[in-house]
N, C-alpha and C. Protein backbone atom coordinates (compact mmCIF):
# COMPACT_ATOMS: atom_id res chain seq x y z
N MET A 1 -45.42 22.95 -10.52
CA MET A 1 -45.98 23.87 -9.54
C MET A 1 -47.14 23.20 -8.84
N SER A 2 -47.33 23.55 -7.58
CA SER A 2 -48.41 22.96 -6.81
C SER A 2 -49.76 23.54 -7.21
N ASP A 3 -50.79 22.87 -6.81
CA ASP A 3 -52.16 23.27 -7.13
C ASP A 3 -52.50 24.58 -6.42
N PRO A 4 -52.82 25.64 -7.17
CA PRO A 4 -53.10 26.93 -6.53
C PRO A 4 -54.30 26.88 -5.60
N TYR A 5 -55.26 26.02 -5.88
CA TYR A 5 -56.42 25.90 -5.00
C TYR A 5 -56.01 25.35 -3.63
N LYS A 6 -55.11 24.37 -3.64
CA LYS A 6 -54.63 23.79 -2.39
C LYS A 6 -53.77 24.80 -1.62
N VAL A 7 -52.92 25.53 -2.34
CA VAL A 7 -52.07 26.53 -1.69
C VAL A 7 -52.92 27.56 -0.97
N LEU A 8 -54.00 28.00 -1.62
CA LEU A 8 -54.86 29.02 -1.03
C LEU A 8 -55.92 28.43 -0.10
N GLY A 9 -56.09 27.11 -0.13
CA GLY A 9 -57.05 26.46 0.75
C GLY A 9 -58.49 26.71 0.37
N VAL A 10 -58.77 26.81 -0.93
CA VAL A 10 -60.14 27.03 -1.39
C VAL A 10 -60.54 25.91 -2.35
N SER A 11 -61.84 25.75 -2.52
CA SER A 11 -62.34 24.75 -3.46
C SER A 11 -62.28 25.31 -4.88
N ARG A 12 -62.38 24.44 -5.83
CA ARG A 12 -62.35 24.85 -7.24
C ARG A 12 -63.59 25.67 -7.60
N THR A 13 -64.62 25.60 -6.80
CA THR A 13 -65.85 26.35 -7.08
C THR A 13 -65.93 27.65 -6.28
N ALA A 14 -64.85 28.00 -5.58
CA ALA A 14 -64.84 29.22 -4.78
C ALA A 14 -64.96 30.44 -5.69
N SER A 15 -65.70 31.43 -5.22
CA SER A 15 -65.85 32.68 -5.99
C SER A 15 -64.56 33.48 -5.94
N ASP A 16 -64.46 34.48 -6.81
CA ASP A 16 -63.29 35.35 -6.80
C ASP A 16 -63.13 36.03 -5.44
N ASP A 17 -64.22 36.45 -4.85
CA ASP A 17 -64.16 37.09 -3.54
C ASP A 17 -63.64 36.13 -2.47
N GLU A 18 -64.06 34.88 -2.53
CA GLU A 18 -63.58 33.87 -1.57
C GLU A 18 -62.08 33.62 -1.75
N VAL A 19 -61.63 33.60 -2.99
CA VAL A 19 -60.21 33.41 -3.27
C VAL A 19 -59.41 34.60 -2.73
N LYS A 20 -59.91 35.81 -2.96
CA LYS A 20 -59.22 37.01 -2.48
C LYS A 20 -59.18 37.04 -0.95
N LYS A 21 -60.28 36.66 -0.31
CA LYS A 21 -60.32 36.62 1.16
C LYS A 21 -59.34 35.59 1.70
N ALA A 22 -59.26 34.44 1.05
CA ALA A 22 -58.34 33.39 1.49
C ALA A 22 -56.90 33.87 1.40
N ARG A 23 -56.55 34.53 0.30
CA ARG A 23 -55.19 35.06 0.13
C ARG A 23 -54.89 36.10 1.20
N ARG A 24 -55.82 37.02 1.42
CA ARG A 24 -55.60 38.06 2.43
C ARG A 24 -55.40 37.44 3.82
N LYS A 25 -56.21 36.43 4.13
CA LYS A 25 -56.11 35.76 5.44
C LYS A 25 -54.75 35.09 5.60
N LEU A 26 -54.33 34.37 4.56
CA LEU A 26 -53.02 33.70 4.63
C LEU A 26 -51.89 34.71 4.81
N LEU A 27 -51.91 35.78 4.03
CA LEU A 27 -50.86 36.78 4.11
C LEU A 27 -50.91 37.53 5.45
N PHE A 28 -52.10 37.79 5.94
CA PHE A 28 -52.26 38.47 7.23
C PHE A 28 -51.66 37.62 8.34
N ASP A 29 -51.95 36.31 8.32
CA ASP A 29 -51.45 35.42 9.37
C ASP A 29 -49.93 35.21 9.28
N LEU A 30 -49.36 35.42 8.11
CA LEU A 30 -47.91 35.26 7.95
C LEU A 30 -47.15 36.58 8.06
N HIS A 31 -47.85 37.67 8.32
CA HIS A 31 -47.20 38.97 8.44
C HIS A 31 -46.25 38.94 9.63
N PRO A 32 -45.07 39.51 9.47
CA PRO A 32 -44.08 39.48 10.55
C PRO A 32 -44.59 40.03 11.89
N ASP A 33 -45.46 41.00 11.87
CA ASP A 33 -45.99 41.55 13.11
C ASP A 33 -46.92 40.58 13.84
N ARG A 34 -47.42 39.57 13.14
CA ARG A 34 -48.34 38.62 13.75
C ARG A 34 -47.63 37.35 14.23
N LEU A 35 -46.38 37.17 13.86
CA LEU A 35 -45.64 35.96 14.22
C LEU A 35 -44.87 36.18 15.52
N PRO A 36 -44.59 35.09 16.22
CA PRO A 36 -43.82 35.24 17.47
C PRO A 36 -42.42 35.80 17.19
N ALA A 37 -41.91 36.57 18.11
CA ALA A 37 -40.60 37.20 17.94
C ALA A 37 -39.47 36.18 18.04
N ASP A 38 -39.72 35.04 18.66
CA ASP A 38 -38.65 34.07 18.90
C ASP A 38 -38.61 32.95 17.86
N LEU A 39 -38.94 33.27 16.60
CA LEU A 39 -38.86 32.27 15.54
C LEU A 39 -37.40 31.92 15.27
N PRO A 40 -37.12 30.70 14.81
CA PRO A 40 -35.74 30.33 14.47
C PRO A 40 -35.17 31.30 13.43
N ALA A 41 -33.85 31.37 13.38
CA ALA A 41 -33.14 32.35 12.55
C ALA A 41 -33.58 32.33 11.09
N GLY A 42 -33.74 31.17 10.49
CA GLY A 42 -34.06 31.09 9.07
C GLY A 42 -35.55 31.03 8.77
N ALA A 43 -36.37 31.19 9.78
CA ALA A 43 -37.82 31.10 9.57
C ALA A 43 -38.31 32.20 8.64
N ALA A 44 -37.67 33.35 8.67
CA ALA A 44 -38.08 34.46 7.80
C ALA A 44 -37.96 34.05 6.34
N LEU A 45 -36.92 33.29 6.02
CA LEU A 45 -36.74 32.81 4.65
C LEU A 45 -37.87 31.87 4.26
N LEU A 46 -38.23 30.97 5.16
CA LEU A 46 -39.34 30.05 4.89
C LEU A 46 -40.65 30.79 4.71
N ILE A 47 -40.85 31.82 5.53
CA ILE A 47 -42.08 32.61 5.44
C ILE A 47 -42.12 33.36 4.12
N LYS A 48 -40.99 33.94 3.70
CA LYS A 48 -40.93 34.64 2.42
C LYS A 48 -41.25 33.69 1.27
N GLU A 49 -40.73 32.46 1.34
CA GLU A 49 -41.02 31.47 0.31
C GLU A 49 -42.51 31.14 0.28
N LYS A 50 -43.12 31.02 1.46
CA LYS A 50 -44.55 30.71 1.55
C LYS A 50 -45.37 31.87 1.00
N VAL A 51 -44.99 33.10 1.32
CA VAL A 51 -45.70 34.28 0.81
C VAL A 51 -45.60 34.32 -0.71
N LEU A 52 -44.42 34.03 -1.25
CA LEU A 52 -44.23 33.99 -2.69
C LEU A 52 -45.11 32.91 -3.32
N GLU A 53 -45.17 31.75 -2.68
CA GLU A 53 -46.01 30.66 -3.17
C GLU A 53 -47.49 31.07 -3.18
N ILE A 54 -47.93 31.73 -2.12
CA ILE A 54 -49.33 32.19 -2.02
C ILE A 54 -49.62 33.20 -3.12
N ASN A 55 -48.74 34.17 -3.30
CA ASN A 55 -48.96 35.19 -4.33
C ASN A 55 -48.93 34.60 -5.73
N ASN A 56 -48.00 33.67 -5.99
CA ASN A 56 -47.95 33.03 -7.30
C ASN A 56 -49.21 32.21 -7.57
N ALA A 57 -49.68 31.50 -6.56
CA ALA A 57 -50.90 30.70 -6.71
C ALA A 57 -52.09 31.62 -7.00
N PHE A 58 -52.19 32.72 -6.26
CA PHE A 58 -53.28 33.66 -6.47
C PHE A 58 -53.24 34.24 -7.88
N ASN A 59 -52.05 34.68 -8.31
CA ASN A 59 -51.92 35.27 -9.65
C ASN A 59 -52.25 34.25 -10.73
N GLU A 60 -51.77 33.03 -10.58
CA GLU A 60 -52.06 31.98 -11.56
C GLU A 60 -53.56 31.70 -11.63
N LEU A 61 -54.17 31.58 -10.47
CA LEU A 61 -55.59 31.28 -10.41
C LEU A 61 -56.44 32.41 -11.01
N MET A 62 -56.13 33.64 -10.64
CA MET A 62 -56.92 34.77 -11.12
C MET A 62 -56.71 34.99 -12.62
N GLN A 63 -55.49 34.78 -13.12
CA GLN A 63 -55.25 34.92 -14.55
C GLN A 63 -56.01 33.84 -15.31
N GLY A 64 -55.99 32.64 -14.79
CA GLY A 64 -56.74 31.55 -15.42
C GLY A 64 -58.23 31.84 -15.42
N ARG A 65 -58.72 32.41 -14.34
CA ARG A 65 -60.15 32.76 -14.28
C ARG A 65 -60.48 33.89 -15.25
N ALA A 66 -59.58 34.86 -15.41
CA ALA A 66 -59.81 35.96 -16.34
C ALA A 66 -59.87 35.43 -17.77
N ASP A 67 -58.94 34.53 -18.09
CA ASP A 67 -58.94 33.92 -19.43
C ASP A 67 -60.21 33.12 -19.64
N LEU A 68 -60.59 32.36 -18.62
CA LEU A 68 -61.81 31.55 -18.71
C LEU A 68 -63.03 32.44 -18.84
N SER A 69 -63.04 33.55 -18.08
CA SER A 69 -64.17 34.47 -18.13
C SER A 69 -64.33 35.07 -19.53
N SER A 70 -63.22 35.41 -20.16
CA SER A 70 -63.27 35.96 -21.53
C SER A 70 -63.85 34.93 -22.50
N ARG A 71 -63.39 33.69 -22.37
CA ARG A 71 -63.89 32.63 -23.25
C ARG A 71 -65.36 32.35 -22.96
N GLN A 72 -65.72 32.36 -21.67
CA GLN A 72 -67.12 32.11 -21.31
C GLN A 72 -68.02 33.24 -21.78
N SER A 73 -67.53 34.46 -21.72
CA SER A 73 -68.32 35.59 -22.17
C SER A 73 -68.65 35.48 -23.65
N ALA A 74 -67.66 35.12 -24.44
CA ALA A 74 -67.89 34.94 -25.87
C ALA A 74 -68.83 33.78 -26.12
N ALA A 75 -68.64 32.70 -25.37
CA ALA A 75 -69.51 31.54 -25.53
C ALA A 75 -70.93 31.86 -25.06
N SER A 76 -71.04 32.65 -24.00
CA SER A 76 -72.35 33.01 -23.47
C SER A 76 -73.13 33.85 -24.46
N THR A 77 -72.44 34.77 -25.11
CA THR A 77 -73.10 35.61 -26.11
C THR A 77 -73.64 34.74 -27.24
N ALA A 78 -72.85 33.82 -27.70
CA ALA A 78 -73.29 32.91 -28.76
C ALA A 78 -74.43 32.03 -28.25
N TYR A 79 -74.30 31.61 -27.00
CA TYR A 79 -75.31 30.74 -26.40
C TYR A 79 -76.64 31.48 -26.28
N GLN A 80 -76.59 32.74 -25.83
CA GLN A 80 -77.82 33.52 -25.68
C GLN A 80 -78.46 33.81 -27.03
N LYS A 81 -77.65 33.99 -28.03
CA LYS A 81 -78.19 34.23 -29.36
C LYS A 81 -78.97 33.02 -29.87
N SER A 82 -78.60 31.86 -29.40
CA SER A 82 -79.31 30.66 -29.84
C SER A 82 -80.54 30.39 -28.96
N ASN A 83 -80.86 31.36 -28.04
CA ASN A 83 -82.05 31.30 -27.18
C ASN A 83 -82.08 30.11 -26.24
N GLN A 84 -80.94 29.72 -25.75
CA GLN A 84 -80.87 28.65 -24.77
C GLN A 84 -80.56 29.27 -23.41
N SER A 85 -81.04 28.64 -22.35
CA SER A 85 -80.81 29.18 -21.01
C SER A 85 -79.43 28.78 -20.51
N THR A 86 -78.92 29.61 -19.59
CA THR A 86 -77.62 29.32 -18.98
C THR A 86 -77.83 28.85 -17.56
N THR A 87 -76.87 28.14 -17.03
CA THR A 87 -76.93 27.65 -15.65
C THR A 87 -75.69 28.11 -14.91
N GLN A 88 -75.81 28.17 -13.60
CA GLN A 88 -74.68 28.53 -12.75
C GLN A 88 -74.37 27.36 -11.83
N THR A 89 -73.09 27.20 -11.51
CA THR A 89 -72.69 26.14 -10.60
C THR A 89 -72.77 26.67 -9.17
N SER A 90 -73.07 25.78 -8.23
CA SER A 90 -73.10 26.19 -6.83
C SER A 90 -71.67 26.31 -6.32
N GLN A 91 -71.48 27.09 -5.26
CA GLN A 91 -70.15 27.33 -4.72
C GLN A 91 -70.05 26.72 -3.33
N ILE A 92 -68.91 26.11 -3.09
CA ILE A 92 -68.64 25.49 -1.80
C ILE A 92 -67.41 26.16 -1.22
N GLN A 93 -67.48 26.56 0.03
CA GLN A 93 -66.34 27.20 0.68
C GLN A 93 -65.74 26.22 1.68
N LEU A 94 -64.44 26.03 1.58
CA LEU A 94 -63.74 25.17 2.53
C LEU A 94 -63.08 26.03 3.59
N PRO A 95 -63.00 25.55 4.83
CA PRO A 95 -62.33 26.34 5.86
C PRO A 95 -60.82 26.36 5.60
N ILE A 96 -60.17 27.44 6.01
CA ILE A 96 -58.74 27.59 5.84
C ILE A 96 -58.08 27.55 7.22
N SER A 97 -57.03 26.75 7.36
CA SER A 97 -56.33 26.67 8.63
C SER A 97 -54.85 26.95 8.43
N LEU A 98 -54.34 27.95 9.14
CA LEU A 98 -52.92 28.26 9.08
C LEU A 98 -52.15 27.61 10.23
N HIS A 99 -52.86 26.88 11.06
CA HIS A 99 -52.19 26.20 12.16
C HIS A 99 -51.14 25.22 11.62
N THR A 100 -51.41 24.61 10.48
CA THR A 100 -50.47 23.68 9.88
C THR A 100 -49.19 24.39 9.51
N ILE A 101 -49.30 25.58 8.90
CA ILE A 101 -48.10 26.34 8.51
C ILE A 101 -47.28 26.69 9.73
N LYS A 102 -47.94 27.18 10.76
CA LYS A 102 -47.22 27.56 11.97
C LYS A 102 -46.60 26.35 12.64
N ARG A 103 -47.30 25.22 12.62
CA ARG A 103 -46.78 23.99 13.21
C ARG A 103 -45.54 23.53 12.46
N VAL A 104 -45.56 23.61 11.14
CA VAL A 104 -44.41 23.22 10.33
C VAL A 104 -43.22 24.12 10.65
N LEU A 105 -43.47 25.42 10.76
CA LEU A 105 -42.38 26.35 11.09
C LEU A 105 -41.79 26.02 12.46
N GLN A 106 -42.63 25.61 13.40
CA GLN A 106 -42.14 25.29 14.73
C GLN A 106 -41.38 23.98 14.75
N GLN A 107 -41.70 23.06 13.84
CA GLN A 107 -41.08 21.74 13.83
C GLN A 107 -39.74 21.72 13.10
N VAL A 108 -39.45 22.76 12.33
CA VAL A 108 -38.19 22.80 11.60
C VAL A 108 -37.07 23.03 12.61
N PRO A 109 -36.10 22.10 12.68
CA PRO A 109 -35.00 22.31 13.62
C PRO A 109 -34.26 23.59 13.27
N SER A 110 -33.86 24.37 14.30
CA SER A 110 -33.22 25.65 14.01
C SER A 110 -31.92 25.47 13.24
N ARG A 111 -31.24 24.35 13.38
CA ARG A 111 -30.03 24.09 12.61
C ARG A 111 -30.35 24.04 11.13
N LYS A 112 -31.41 23.35 10.75
CA LYS A 112 -31.81 23.24 9.34
C LYS A 112 -32.24 24.60 8.83
N VAL A 113 -32.97 25.36 9.62
CA VAL A 113 -33.42 26.69 9.20
C VAL A 113 -32.22 27.59 8.98
N GLN A 114 -31.22 27.51 9.87
CA GLN A 114 -30.03 28.34 9.71
C GLN A 114 -29.26 27.96 8.46
N GLN A 115 -29.19 26.66 8.14
CA GLN A 115 -28.52 26.22 6.91
C GLN A 115 -29.24 26.76 5.69
N MET A 116 -30.57 26.79 5.72
CA MET A 116 -31.36 27.26 4.59
C MET A 116 -31.16 28.77 4.39
N ALA A 117 -30.89 29.49 5.49
CA ALA A 117 -30.74 30.93 5.39
C ALA A 117 -29.39 31.32 4.78
N HIS A 118 -28.43 30.42 4.84
CA HIS A 118 -27.10 30.76 4.30
C HIS A 118 -26.99 30.43 2.87
């Protein structure tokens, strides 16, 4: 499976809110009402695959963060009991561009898209 951070276009230090916003933006831009009406015949199949990839990446990332959060919470409690201070990592947000996705959809020959749809 591909890297969920790359699929969503976020850095590994992105907050949960940044990850959620990135997913919403990607799905919003791929919504059928936002796409041109004259897409090749099989483009809908490619878009559905991309939406599935985005959702799978989001679910994998959030589940991993929930598991990590549970482990960190237990470790933090033990850490605080030992009277040591905790630190937080800084967060970096990367810009997200869907122009690449749209460009790829436009570059797929309609013959290939039609073959994929069958």
